[in-house]
PDB file of N, CA and C in Angstrom:
ATOM      1  N   MET A   1      12.009  -2.860  10.177  1.00  0.00           N
ATOM      2  CA  MET A   1      11.863  -2.508   8.785  1.00  0.00           C
ATOM      3  C   MET A   1      10.430  -2.526   8.329  1.00  0.00           C
ATOM      4  N   LEU A   2       9.604  -3.439   8.847  1.00  0.00           N
ATOM      5  CA  LEU A   2       8.168  -3.460   8.466  1.00  0.00           C
ATOM      6  C   LEU A   2       7.510  -2.158   8.916  1.00  0.00           C
ATOM      7  N   MET A   3       7.792  -1.711  10.125  1.00  0.00           N
ATOM      8  CA  MET A   3       7.068  -0.496  10.571  1.00  0.00           C
ATOM      9  C   MET A   3       7.542   0.730   9.802  1.00  0.00           C
ATOM     10  N   ARG A   4       8.865   0.864   9.459  1.00  0.00           N
ATOM     11  CA  ARG A   4       9.280   1.938   8.648  1.00  0.00           C
ATOM     12  C   ARG A   4       8.694   1.966   7.247  1.00  0.00           C
ATOM     13  N   THR A   5       8.652   0.823   6.674  1.00  0.00           N
ATOM     14  CA  THR A   5       8.116   0.705   5.253  1.00  0.00           C
ATOM     15  C   THR A   5       6.559   1.076   5.311  1.00  0.00           C
ATOM     16  N   SER A   6       5.840   0.515   6.340  1.00  0.00           N
ATOM     17  CA  SER A   6       4.431   0.816   6.429  1.00  0.00           C
ATOM     18  C   SER A   6       4.176   2.313   6.614  1.00  0.00           C
ATOM     19  N   ALA A   7       4.950   2.859   7.526  1.00  0.00           N
ATOM     20  CA  ALA A   7       4.809   4.340   7.790  1.00  0.00           C
ATOM     21  C   ALA A   7       5.098   5.137   6.511  1.00  0.00           C
ATOM     22  N   THR A   8       6.062   4.747   5.808  1.00  0.00           N
ATOM     23  CA  THR A   8       6.465   5.474   4.521  1.00  0.00           C
ATOM     24  C   THR A   8       5.337   5.265   3.500  1.00  0.00           C
ATOM     25  N   LEU A   9       4.821   4.053   3.390  1.00  0.00           N
ATOM     26  CA  LEU A   9       3.744   3.893   2.435  1.00  0.00           C
ATOM     27  C   LEU A   9       2.487   4.697   2.814  1.00  0.00           C
ATOM     28  N   ALA A  10       2.215   4.681   4.109  1.00  0.00           N
ATOM     29  CA  ALA A  10       1.023   5.470   4.602  1.00  0.00           C
ATOM     30  C   ALA A  10       1.180   6.932   4.205  1.00  0.00           C
ATOM     31  N   LEU A  11       2.412   7.475   4.527  1.00  0.00           N
ATOM     32  CA  LEU A  11       2.675   8.919   4.159  1.00  0.00           C
ATOM     33  C   LEU A  11       2.562   9.174   2.686  1.00  0.00           C
ATOM     34  N   VAL A  12       3.197   8.258   1.880  1.00  0.00           N
ATOM     35  CA  VAL A  12       3.115   8.515   0.414  1.00  0.00           C
ATOM     36  C   VAL A  12       1.691   8.434  -0.115  1.00  0.00           C
ATOM     37  N   THR A  13       0.939   7.465   0.506  1.00  0.00           N
ATOM     38  CA  THR A  13      -0.498   7.313   0.051  1.00  0.00           C
ATOM     39  C   THR A  13      -1.208   8.627   0.371  1.00  0.00           C
ATOM     40  N   THR A  14      -1.065   9.109   1.572  1.00  0.00           N
ATOM     41  CA  THR A  14      -1.707  10.309   1.962  1.00  0.00           C
ATOM     42  C   THR A  14      -1.369  11.529   1.096  1.00  0.00           C
ATOM     43  N   LEU A  15      -0.042  11.643   0.763  1.00  0.00           N
ATOM     44  CA  LEU A  15       0.432  12.685  -0.124  1.00  0.00           C
ATOM     45  C   LEU A  15      -0.166  12.542  -1.496  1.00  0.00           C
ATOM     46  N   ALA A  16      -0.168  11.293  -2.000  1.00  0.00           N
ATOM     47  CA  ALA A  16      -0.733  11.019  -3.352  1.00  0.00           C
ATOM     48  C   ALA A  16      -2.226  11.378  -3.360  1.00  0.00           C
ATOM     49  N   LEU A  17      -2.940  11.037  -2.373  1.00  0.00           N
ATOM     50  CA  LEU A  17      -4.374  11.306  -2.285  1.00  0.00           C
ATOM     51  C   LEU A  17      -4.647  12.787  -2.275  1.00  0.00           C
ATOM     52  N   VAL A  18      -3.822  13.516  -1.558  1.00  0.00           N
ATOM     53  CA  VAL A  18      -3.951  14.983  -1.484  1.00  0.00           C
ATOM     54  C   VAL A  18      -3.695  15.587  -2.842  1.00  0.00           C
ATOM     55  N   ALA A  19      -2.554  15.100  -3.460  1.00  0.00           N
ATOM     56  CA  ALA A  19      -2.159  15.657  -4.779  1.00  0.00           C
ATOM     57  C   ALA A  19      -3.171  15.329  -5.800  1.00  0.00           C
ATOM     58  N   CYS A  20      -3.882  14.167  -5.774  1.00  0.00           N
ATOM     59  CA  CYS A  20      -4.767  13.764  -6.703  1.00  0.00           C
ATOM     60  C   CYS A  20      -6.211  14.357  -6.479  1.00  0.00           C
ATOM     61  N   GLY A  21      -6.499  14.656  -5.242  1.00  0.00           N
ATOM     62  CA  GLY A  21      -7.816  15.190  -4.863  1.00  0.00           C
ATOM     63  C   GLY A  21      -8.830  14.191  -5.270  1.00  0.00           C
ATOM     64  N   SER A  22     -10.060  14.638  -5.539  1.00  0.00           N
ATOM     65  CA  SER A  22     -11.094  13.731  -5.923  1.00  0.00           C
ATOM     66  C   SER A  22     -11.477  13.875  -7.453  1.00  0.00           C
ATOM     67  N   GLU A  23     -10.654  14.681  -8.158  1.00  0.00           N
ATOM     68  CA  GLU A  23     -10.908  14.797  -9.594  1.00  0.00           C
ATOM     69  C   GLU A  23     -10.339  13.603 -10.324  1.00  0.00           C
ATOM     70  N   ASP A  24     -11.074  13.139 -11.307  1.00  0.00           N
ATOM     71  CA  ASP A  24     -10.531  12.030 -12.157  1.00  0.00           C
ATOM     72  C   ASP A  24     -10.110  12.636 -13.409  1.00  0.00           C
ATOM     73  N   ASP A  25      -8.783  12.812 -13.660  1.00  0.00           N
ATOM     74  CA  ASP A  25      -8.220  13.438 -14.862  1.00  0.00           C
ATOM     75  C   ASP A  25      -7.811  12.410 -15.798  1.00  0.00           C
ATOM     76  N   GLY A  26      -8.277  11.102 -15.794  1.00  0.00           N
ATOM     77  CA  GLY A  26      -7.947  10.153 -16.646  1.00  0.00           C
ATOM     78  C   GLY A  26      -6.767   9.228 -16.226  1.00  0.00           C
ATOM     79  N   ASP A  27      -5.988   9.704 -15.235  1.00  0.00           N
ATOM     80  CA  ASP A  27      -4.935   8.837 -14.809  1.00  0.00           C
ATOM     81  C   ASP A  27      -5.054   8.478 -13.366  1.00  0.00           C
ATOM     82  N   GLY A  28      -6.180   8.797 -12.723  1.00  0.00           N
ATOM     83  CA  GLY A  28      -6.341   8.431 -11.284  1.00  0.00           C
ATOM     84  C   GLY A  28      -7.728   7.791 -11.122  1.00  0.00           C
ATOM     85  N   GLY A  29      -7.847   7.089 -10.077  1.00  0.00           N
ATOM     86  CA  GLY A  29      -9.167   6.506  -9.749  1.00  0.00           C
ATOM     87  C   GLY A  29      -9.592   5.409 -10.636  1.00  0.00           C
ATOM     88  N   GLY A  30      -8.673   4.876 -11.387  1.00  0.00           N
ATOM     89  CA  GLY A  30      -9.013   3.781 -12.290  1.00  0.00           C
ATOM     90  C   GLY A  30      -9.086   2.420 -11.545  1.00  0.00           C
ATOM     91  N   GLY A  31      -9.146   1.341 -12.243  1.00  0.00           N
ATOM     92  CA  GLY A  31      -9.285   0.098 -11.661  1.00  0.00           C
ATOM     93  C   GLY A  31      -8.110  -0.440 -10.872  1.00  0.00           C
ATOM     94  N   GLY A  32      -6.992   0.280 -10.966  1.00  0.00           N
ATOM     95  CA  GLY A  32      -5.743  -0.093 -10.334  1.00  0.00           C
ATOM     96  C   GLY A  32      -5.843   0.060  -8.865  1.00  0.00           C
ATOM     97  N   GLY A  33      -6.543   0.977  -8.364  1.00  0.00           N
ATOM     98  CA  GLY A  33      -6.740   1.285  -6.922  1.00  0.00           C
ATOM     99  C   GLY A  33      -7.472   0.117  -6.282  1.00  0.00           C
ATOM    100  N   ALA A  34      -8.505  -0.439  -6.949  1.00  0.00           N
ATOM    101  CA  ALA A  34      -9.228  -1.531  -6.373  1.00  0.00           C
ATOM    102  C   ALA A  34      -8.330  -2.790  -6.208  1.00  0.00           C
ATOM    103  N   ALA A  35      -7.549  -3.060  -7.246  1.00  0.00           N
ATOM    104  CA  ALA A  35      -6.674  -4.228  -7.216  1.00  0.00           C
ATOM    105  C   ALA A  35      -5.569  -4.048  -6.068  1.00  0.00           C
ATOM    106  N   ALA A  36      -5.094  -2.788  -5.972  1.00  0.00           N
ATOM    107  CA  ALA A  36      -4.128  -2.488  -4.923  1.00  0.00           C
ATOM    108  C   ALA A  36      -4.730  -2.642  -3.592  1.00  0.00           C
ATOM    109  N   ALA A  37      -6.014  -2.221  -3.440  1.00  0.00           N
ATOM    110  CA  ALA A  37      -6.630  -2.328  -2.162  1.00  0.00           C
ATOM    111  C   ALA A  37      -6.854  -3.758  -1.709  1.00  0.00           C
ATOM    112  N   THR A  38      -7.174  -4.605  -2.707  1.00  0.00           N
ATOM    113  CA  THR A  38      -7.343  -6.066  -2.370  1.00  0.00           C
ATOM    114  C   THR A  38      -6.067  -6.668  -1.899  1.00  0.00           C
ATOM    115  N   ALA A  39      -4.933  -6.280  -2.577  1.00  0.00           N
ATOM    116  CA  ALA A  39      -3.586  -6.776  -2.230  1.00  0.00           C
ATOM    117  C   ALA A  39      -3.292  -6.253  -0.830  1.00  0.00           C
ATOM    118  N   CYS A  40      -3.569  -4.975  -0.596  1.00  0.00           N
ATOM    119  CA  CYS A  40      -3.333  -4.335   0.670  1.00  0.00           C
ATOM    120  C   CYS A  40      -4.091  -5.051   1.861  1.00  0.00           C
ATOM    121  N   ASN A  41      -5.331  -5.370   1.602  1.00  0.00           N
ATOM    122  CA  ASN A  41      -6.138  -6.043   2.657  1.00  0.00           C
ATOM    123  C   ASN A  41      -5.406  -7.420   2.988  1.00  0.00           C
ATOM    124  N   SER A  42      -4.963  -8.125   2.053  1.00  0.00           N
ATOM    125  CA  SER A  42      -4.250  -9.382   2.218  1.00  0.00           C
ATOM    126  C   SER A  42      -3.011  -9.110   3.014  1.00  0.00           C
ATOM    127  N   TYR A  43      -2.262  -8.073   2.648  1.00  0.00           N
ATOM    128  CA  TYR A  43      -1.046  -7.674   3.348  1.00  0.00           C
ATOM    129  C   TYR A  43      -1.252  -7.394   4.797  1.00  0.00           C
ATOM    130  N   CYS A  44      -2.308  -6.697   5.100  1.00  0.00           N
ATOM    131  CA  CYS A  44      -2.686  -6.335   6.444  1.00  0.00           C
ATOM    132  C   CYS A  44      -2.990  -7.655   7.253  1.00  0.00           C
ATOM    133  N   ASP A  45      -3.735  -8.523   6.632  1.00  0.00           N
ATOM    134  CA  ASP A  45      -4.026  -9.812   7.395  1.00  0.00           C
ATOM    135  C   ASP A  45      -2.795 -10.631   7.584  1.00  0.00           C
ATOM    136  N   SER A  46      -1.915 -10.686   6.565  1.00  0.00           N
ATOM    137  CA  SER A  46      -0.743 -11.579   6.624  1.00  0.00           C
ATOM    138  C   SER A  46       0.304 -11.010   7.544  1.00  0.00           C
ATOM    139  N   THR A  47       0.455  -9.710   7.621  1.00  0.00           N
ATOM    140  CA  THR A  47       1.571  -9.173   8.387  1.00  0.00           C
ATOM    141  C   THR A  47       1.197  -8.740   9.790  1.00  0.00           C
ATOM    142  N   ALA A  48      -0.118  -8.889  10.144  1.00  0.00           N
ATOM    143  CA  ALA A  48      -0.533  -8.352  11.555  1.00  0.00           C
ATOM    144  C   ALA A  48       0.189  -8.983  12.596  1.00  0.00           C
ATOM    145  N   SER A  49       0.708 -10.221  12.502  1.00  0.00           N
ATOM    146  CA  SER A  49       1.386 -10.847  13.570  1.00  0.00           C
ATOM    147  C   SER A  49       2.851 -10.553  13.605  1.00  0.00           C
ATOM    148  N   CYS A  50       3.380  -9.787  12.677  1.00  0.00           N
ATOM    149  CA  CYS A  50       4.849  -9.444  12.683  1.00  0.00           C
ATOM    150  C   CYS A  50       5.186  -8.628  13.878  1.00  0.00           C
ATOM    151  N   PRO A  51       6.453  -8.844  14.382  1.00  0.00           N
ATOM    152  CA  PRO A  51       6.818  -8.060  15.551  1.00  0.00           C
ATOM    153  C   PRO A  51       6.883  -6.540  15.408  1.00  0.00           C
ATOM    154  N   TYR A  52       7.127  -6.098  14.153  1.00  0.00           N
ATOM    155  CA  TYR A  52       7.244  -4.586  13.963  1.00  0.00           C
ATOM    156  C   TYR A  52       6.087  -4.108  13.151  1.00  0.00           C
ATOM    157  N   PHE A  53       4.887  -4.689  13.297  1.00  0.00           N
ATOM    158  CA  PHE A  53       3.654  -4.196  12.616  1.00  0.00           C
ATOM    159  C   PHE A  53       3.385  -2.783  13.100  1.00  0.00           C
ATOM    160  N   ALA A  54       3.095  -1.894  12.108  1.00  0.00           N
ATOM    161  CA  ALA A  54       2.936  -0.509  12.460  1.00  0.00           C
ATOM    162  C   ALA A  54       1.554  -0.153  13.058  1.00  0.00           C
ATOM    163  N   TYR A  55       0.624  -1.094  12.988  1.00  0.00           N
ATOM    164  CA  TYR A  55      -0.690  -0.790  13.428  1.00  0.00           C
ATOM    165  C   TYR A  55      -1.061  -1.698  14.635  1.00  0.00           C
ATOM    166  N   THR A  56      -2.179  -1.361  15.340  1.00  0.00           N
ATOM    167  CA  THR A  56      -2.599  -2.223  16.430  1.00  0.00           C
ATOM    168  C   THR A  56      -3.155  -3.557  16.021  1.00  0.00           C
ATOM    169  N   ASP A  57      -3.819  -3.587  14.857  1.00  0.00           N
ATOM    170  CA  ASP A  57      -4.354  -4.873  14.272  1.00  0.00           C
ATOM    171  C   ASP A  57      -4.577  -4.709  12.761  1.00  0.00           C
ATOM    172  N   ALA A  58      -4.992  -5.732  12.168  1.00  0.00           N
ATOM    173  CA  ALA A  58      -5.235  -5.762  10.727  1.00  0.00           C
ATOM    174  C   ALA A  58      -6.364  -4.749  10.379  1.00  0.00           C
ATOM    175  N   THR A  59      -7.324  -4.630  11.138  1.00  0.00           N
ATOM    176  CA  THR A  59      -8.433  -3.644  10.850  1.00  0.00           C
ATOM    177  C   THR A  59      -7.902  -2.224  10.766  1.00  0.00           C
ATOM    178  N   GLU A  60      -7.053  -1.821  11.640  1.00  0.00           N
ATOM    179  CA  GLU A  60      -6.452  -0.477  11.678  1.00  0.00           C
ATOM    180  C   GLU A  60      -5.620  -0.372  10.428  1.00  0.00           C
ATOM    181  N   CYS A  61      -4.834  -1.281  10.162  1.00  0.00           N
ATOM    182  CA  CYS A  61      -3.949  -1.310   8.929  1.00  0.00           C
ATOM    183  C   CYS A  61      -4.827  -1.067   7.656  1.00  0.00           C
ATOM    184  N   LYS A  62      -5.929  -1.781   7.548  1.00  0.00           N
ATOM    185  CA  LYS A  62      -6.759  -1.671   6.336  1.00  0.00           C
ATOM    186  C   LYS A  62      -7.365  -0.206   6.312  1.00  0.00           C
ATOM    187  N   GLN A  63      -7.721   0.291   7.509  1.00  0.00           N
ATOM    188  CA  GLN A  63      -8.343   1.651   7.601  1.00  0.00           C
ATOM    189  C   GLN A  63      -7.394   2.687   7.036  1.00  0.00           C
ATOM    190  N   TYR A  64      -6.149   2.599   7.506  1.00  0.00           N
ATOM    191  CA  TYR A  64      -5.182   3.738   7.253  1.00  0.00           C
ATOM    192  C   TYR A  64      -4.318   3.464   5.976  1.00  0.00           C
ATOM    193  N   GLU A  65      -4.128   2.237   5.619  1.00  0.00           N
ATOM    194  CA  GLU A  65      -3.215   1.951   4.501  1.00  0.00           C
ATOM    195  C   GLU A  65      -3.879   1.541   3.246  1.00  0.00           C
ATOM    196  N   CYS A  66      -5.124   1.035   3.217  1.00  0.00           N
ATOM    197  CA  CYS A  66      -5.686   0.369   2.079  1.00  0.00           C
ATOM    198  C   CYS A  66      -6.705   1.219   1.287  1.00  0.00           C
ATOM    199  N   ASP A  67      -6.968   2.487   1.584  1.00  0.00           N
ATOM    200  CA  ASP A  67      -7.831   3.263   0.817  1.00  0.00           C
ATOM    201  C   ASP A  67      -7.046   3.910  -0.384  1.00  0.00           C
ATOM    202  N   LEU A  68      -6.973   3.109  -1.430  1.00  0.00           N
ATOM    203  CA  LEU A  68      -6.098   3.485  -2.527  1.00  0.00           C
ATOM    204  C   LEU A  68      -6.849   3.832  -3.828  1.00  0.00           C
ATOM    205  N   SER A  69      -8.129   4.098  -3.613  1.00  0.00           N
ATOM    206  CA  SER A  69      -9.064   4.252  -4.726  1.00  0.00           C
ATOM    207  C   SER A  69      -8.791   5.489  -5.582  1.00  0.00           C
ATOM    208  N   GLN A  70      -8.196   6.516  -4.942  1.00  0.00           N
ATOM    209  CA  GLN A  70      -7.874   7.779  -5.687  1.00  0.00           C
ATOM    210  C   GLN A  70      -6.463   7.864  -6.173  1.00  0.00           C
ATOM    211  N   LEU A  71      -5.662   6.817  -6.161  1.00  0.00           N
ATOM    212  CA  LEU A  71      -4.376   6.877  -6.656  1.00  0.00           C
ATOM    213  C   LEU A  71      -4.325   6.798  -8.134  1.00  0.00           C
ATOM    214  N   PRO A  72      -3.303   7.487  -8.761  1.00  0.00           N
ATOM    215  CA  PRO A  72      -3.179   7.318 -10.186  1.00  0.00           C
ATOM    216  C   PRO A  72      -2.867   5.795 -10.491  1.00  0.00           C
ATOM    217  N   ASP A  73      -3.208   5.365 -11.649  1.00  0.00           N
ATOM    218  CA  ASP A  73      -2.964   3.939 -11.919  1.00  0.00           C
ATOM    219  C   ASP A  73      -1.544   3.461 -11.782  1.00  0.00           C
ATOM    220  N   ALA A  74      -0.582   4.295 -12.147  1.00  0.00           N
ATOM    221  CA  ALA A  74       0.838   3.872 -12.023  1.00  0.00           C
ATOM    222  C   ALA A  74       1.216   3.747 -10.618  1.00  0.00           C
ATOM    223  N   CYS A  75       0.705   4.636  -9.791  1.00  0.00           N
ATOM    224  CA  CYS A  75       1.100   4.589  -8.314  1.00  0.00           C
ATOM    225  C   CYS A  75       0.385   3.345  -7.703  1.00  0.00           C
ATOM    226  N   ALA A  76      -0.864   3.082  -8.089  1.00  0.00           N
ATOM    227  CA  ALA A  76      -1.605   1.986  -7.544  1.00  0.00           C
ATOM    228  C   ALA A  76      -0.879   0.709  -8.006  1.00  0.00           C
ATOM    229  N   ALA A  77      -0.417   0.636  -9.130  1.00  0.00           N
ATOM    230  CA  ALA A  77       0.289  -0.621  -9.584  1.00  0.00           C
ATOM    231  C   ALA A  77       1.561  -0.782  -8.797  1.00  0.00           C
ATOM    232  N   THR A  78       2.261   0.254  -8.419  1.00  0.00           N
ATOM    233  CA  THR A  78       3.424   0.187  -7.574  1.00  0.00           C
ATOM    234  C   THR A  78       3.043  -0.377  -6.201  1.00  0.00           C
ATOM    235  N   PHE A  79       2.038   0.118  -5.566  1.00  0.00           N
ATOM    236  CA  PHE A  79       1.591  -0.409  -4.290  1.00  0.00           C
ATOM    237  C   PHE A  79       1.156  -1.856  -4.358  1.00  0.00           C
ATOM    238  N   LYS A  80       0.381  -2.131  -5.454  1.00  0.00           N
ATOM    239  CA  LYS A  80      -0.065  -3.581  -5.617  1.00  0.00           C
ATOM    240  C   LYS A  80       1.118  -4.543  -5.728  1.00  0.00           C
ATOM    241  N   ALA A  81       2.125  -4.125  -6.518  1.00  0.00           N
ATOM    242  CA  ALA A  81       3.300  -4.907  -6.698  1.00  0.00           C
ATOM    243  C   ALA A  81       4.082  -5.125  -5.361  1.00  0.00           C
ATOM    244  N   TYR A  82       4.110  -4.061  -4.589  1.00  0.00           N
ATOM    245  CA  TYR A  82       4.724  -4.183  -3.255  1.00  0.00           C
ATOM    246  C   TYR A  82       3.973  -5.171  -2.367  1.00  0.00           C
ATOM    247  N   TYR A  83       2.688  -4.963  -2.291  1.00  0.00           N
ATOM    248  CA  TYR A  83       1.903  -5.840  -1.364  1.00  0.00           C
ATOM    249  C   TYR A  83       1.902  -7.315  -1.898  1.00  0.00           C
ATOM    250  N   ASP A  84       1.822  -7.528  -3.192  1.00  0.00           N
ATOM    251  CA  ASP A  84       1.928  -8.817  -3.763  1.00  0.00           C
ATOM    252  C   ASP A  84       3.265  -9.483  -3.470  1.00  0.00           C
ATOM    253  N   CYS A  85       4.323  -8.734  -3.533  1.00  0.00           N
ATOM    254  CA  CYS A  85       5.655  -9.177  -3.217  1.00  0.00           C
ATOM    255  C   CYS A  85       5.796  -9.679  -1.776  1.00  0.00           C
ATOM    256  N   VAL A  86       5.329  -8.864  -0.829  1.00  0.00           N
ATOM    257  CA  VAL A  86       5.330  -9.263   0.541  1.00  0.00           C
ATOM    258  C   VAL A  86       4.476 -10.445   0.769  1.00  0.00           C
ATOM    259  N   ASN A  87       3.284 -10.468   0.196  1.00  0.00           N
ATOM    260  CA  ASN A  87       2.339 -11.536   0.409  1.00  0.00           C
ATOM    261  C   ASN A  87       2.804 -12.920  -0.132  1.00  0.00           C
ATOM    262  N   ALA A  88       3.690 -12.802  -1.135  1.00  0.00           N
ATOM    263  CA  ALA A  88       4.236 -14.073  -1.728  1.00  0.00           C
ATOM    264  C   ALA A  88       5.373 -14.636  -1.028  1.00  0.00           C
ATOM    265  N   LYS A  89       5.980 -13.889  -0.010  1.00  0.00           N
ATOM    266  CA  LYS A  89       7.195 -14.401   0.664  1.00  0.00           C
ATOM    267  C   LYS A  89       6.781 -15.370   1.665  1.00  0.00           C
ATOM    268  N   ALA A  90       7.692 -16.404   1.921  1.00  0.00           N
ATOM    269  CA  ALA A  90       7.504 -17.364   2.999  1.00  0.00           C
ATOM    270  C   ALA A  90       7.439 -16.703   4.348  1.00  0.00           C
ATOM    271  N   ASP A  91       8.328 -15.658   4.527  1.00  0.00           N
ATOM    272  CA  ASP A  91       8.388 -14.881   5.783  1.00  0.00           C
ATOM    273  C   ASP A  91       7.817 -13.543   5.486  1.00  0.00           C
ATOM    274  N   VAL A  92       6.602 -13.240   5.689  1.00  0.00           N
ATOM    275  CA  VAL A  92       6.010 -11.914   5.317  1.00  0.00           C
ATOM    276  C   VAL A  92       6.481 -10.834   6.201  1.00  0.00           C
ATOM    277  N   CYS A  93       7.178 -11.194   7.292  1.00  0.00           N
ATOM    278  CA  CYS A  93       7.770 -10.188   8.191  1.00  0.00           C
ATOM    279  C   CYS A  93       9.113  -9.649   7.651  1.00  0.00           C
ATOM    280  N   ASP A  94       9.606 -10.265   6.716  1.00  0.00           N
ATOM    281  CA  ASP A  94      10.868  -9.832   6.051  1.00  0.00           C
ATOM    282  C   ASP A  94      10.614  -9.260   4.633  1.00  0.00           C
ATOM    283  N   GLU A  95      10.549  -7.972   4.575  1.00  0.00           N
ATOM    284  CA  GLU A  95      10.193  -7.288   3.318  1.00  0.00           C
ATOM    285  C   GLU A  95      11.429  -7.121   2.406  1.00  0.00           C
ATOM    286  N   THR A  96      12.521  -7.676   2.722  1.00  0.00           N
ATOM    287  CA  THR A  96      13.741  -7.558   1.821  1.00  0.00           C
ATOM    288  C   THR A  96      13.401  -7.877   0.419  1.00  0.00           C
ATOM    289  N   GLY A  97      13.767  -6.969  -0.479  1.00  0.00           N
ATOM    290  CA  GLY A  97      13.461  -7.117  -1.903  1.00  0.00           C
ATOM    291  C   GLY A  97      12.074  -6.670  -2.409  1.00  0.00           C
ATOM    292  N   CYS A  98      11.297  -6.232  -1.424  1.00  0.00           N
ATOM    293  CA  CYS A  98       9.899  -5.724  -1.807  1.00  0.00           C
ATOM    294  C   CYS A  98       9.707  -4.218  -1.662  1.00  0.00           C
ATOM    295  N   GLN A  99      10.773  -3.441  -1.685  1.00  0.00           N
ATOM    296  CA  GLN A  99      10.542  -2.104  -1.440  1.00  0.00           C
ATOM    297  C   GLN A  99       9.973  -1.438  -2.759  1.00  0.00           C
ATOM    298  N   PRO A 100       8.960  -0.656  -2.641  1.00  0.00           N
ATOM    299  CA  PRO A 100       8.214  -0.099  -3.757  1.00  0.00           C
ATOM    300  C   PRO A 100       9.036   1.015  -4.379  1.00  0.00           C
ATOM    301  N   ASP A 101       8.823   1.212  -5.751  1.00  0.00           N
ATOM    302  CA  ASP A 101       9.393   2.286  -6.442  1.00  0.00           C
ATOM    303  C   ASP A 101       8.446   3.525  -6.266  1.00  0.00           C
ATOM    304  N   LEU A 102       8.604   4.350  -5.287  1.00  0.00           N
ATOM    305  CA  LEU A 102       7.677   5.398  -4.967  1.00  0.00           C
ATOM    306  C   LEU A 102       7.721   6.553  -5.977  1.00  0.00           C
ATOM    307  N   ASP A 103       8.651   6.484  -6.915  1.00  0.00           N
ATOM    308  CA  ASP A 103       8.716   7.583  -7.979  1.00  0.00           C
ATOM    309  C   ASP A 103       7.434   7.570  -8.800  1.00  0.00           C
ATOM    310  N   ALA A 104       6.835   6.401  -8.914  1.00  0.00           N
ATOM    311  CA  ALA A 104       5.617   6.343  -9.729  1.00  0.00           C
ATOM    312  C   ALA A 104       4.452   7.129  -9.048  1.00  0.00           C
ATOM    313  N   CYS A 105       4.633   7.396  -7.782  1.00  0.00           N
ATOM    314  CA  CYS A 105       3.585   8.143  -7.056  1.00  0.00           C
ATOM    315  C   CYS A 105       3.810   9.656  -6.957  1.00  0.00           C
ATOM    316  N   MET A 106       4.900  10.094  -7.507  1.00  0.00           N
ATOM    317  CA  MET A 106       5.149  11.538  -7.377  1.00  0.00           C
ATOM    318  C   MET A 106       4.803  12.331  -8.659  1.00  0.00           C
TER     319      MET A 106
END
């Protein structure tokens, strides 16, 4: 489950970054991306030892999953909420109940 969710998040992040480009039209590139990236970095550190971790290590996870600076604020907030949810669980390898609402990123 962790690998599937991580792969989905990486794909959606890539699509959102392509859709947003580098232009700041007032709803992207705000402070939300930095907060989401901080939560993502913690997520990579805390889930790196999970059996179904999608990356070779936390560094690779951060490289591919945590560049969220160009996301629209609503999408960044969705990712932050997801990472915060997983990070707050006693068992970070069980993402049950933490699936993000990816509609905010479309």
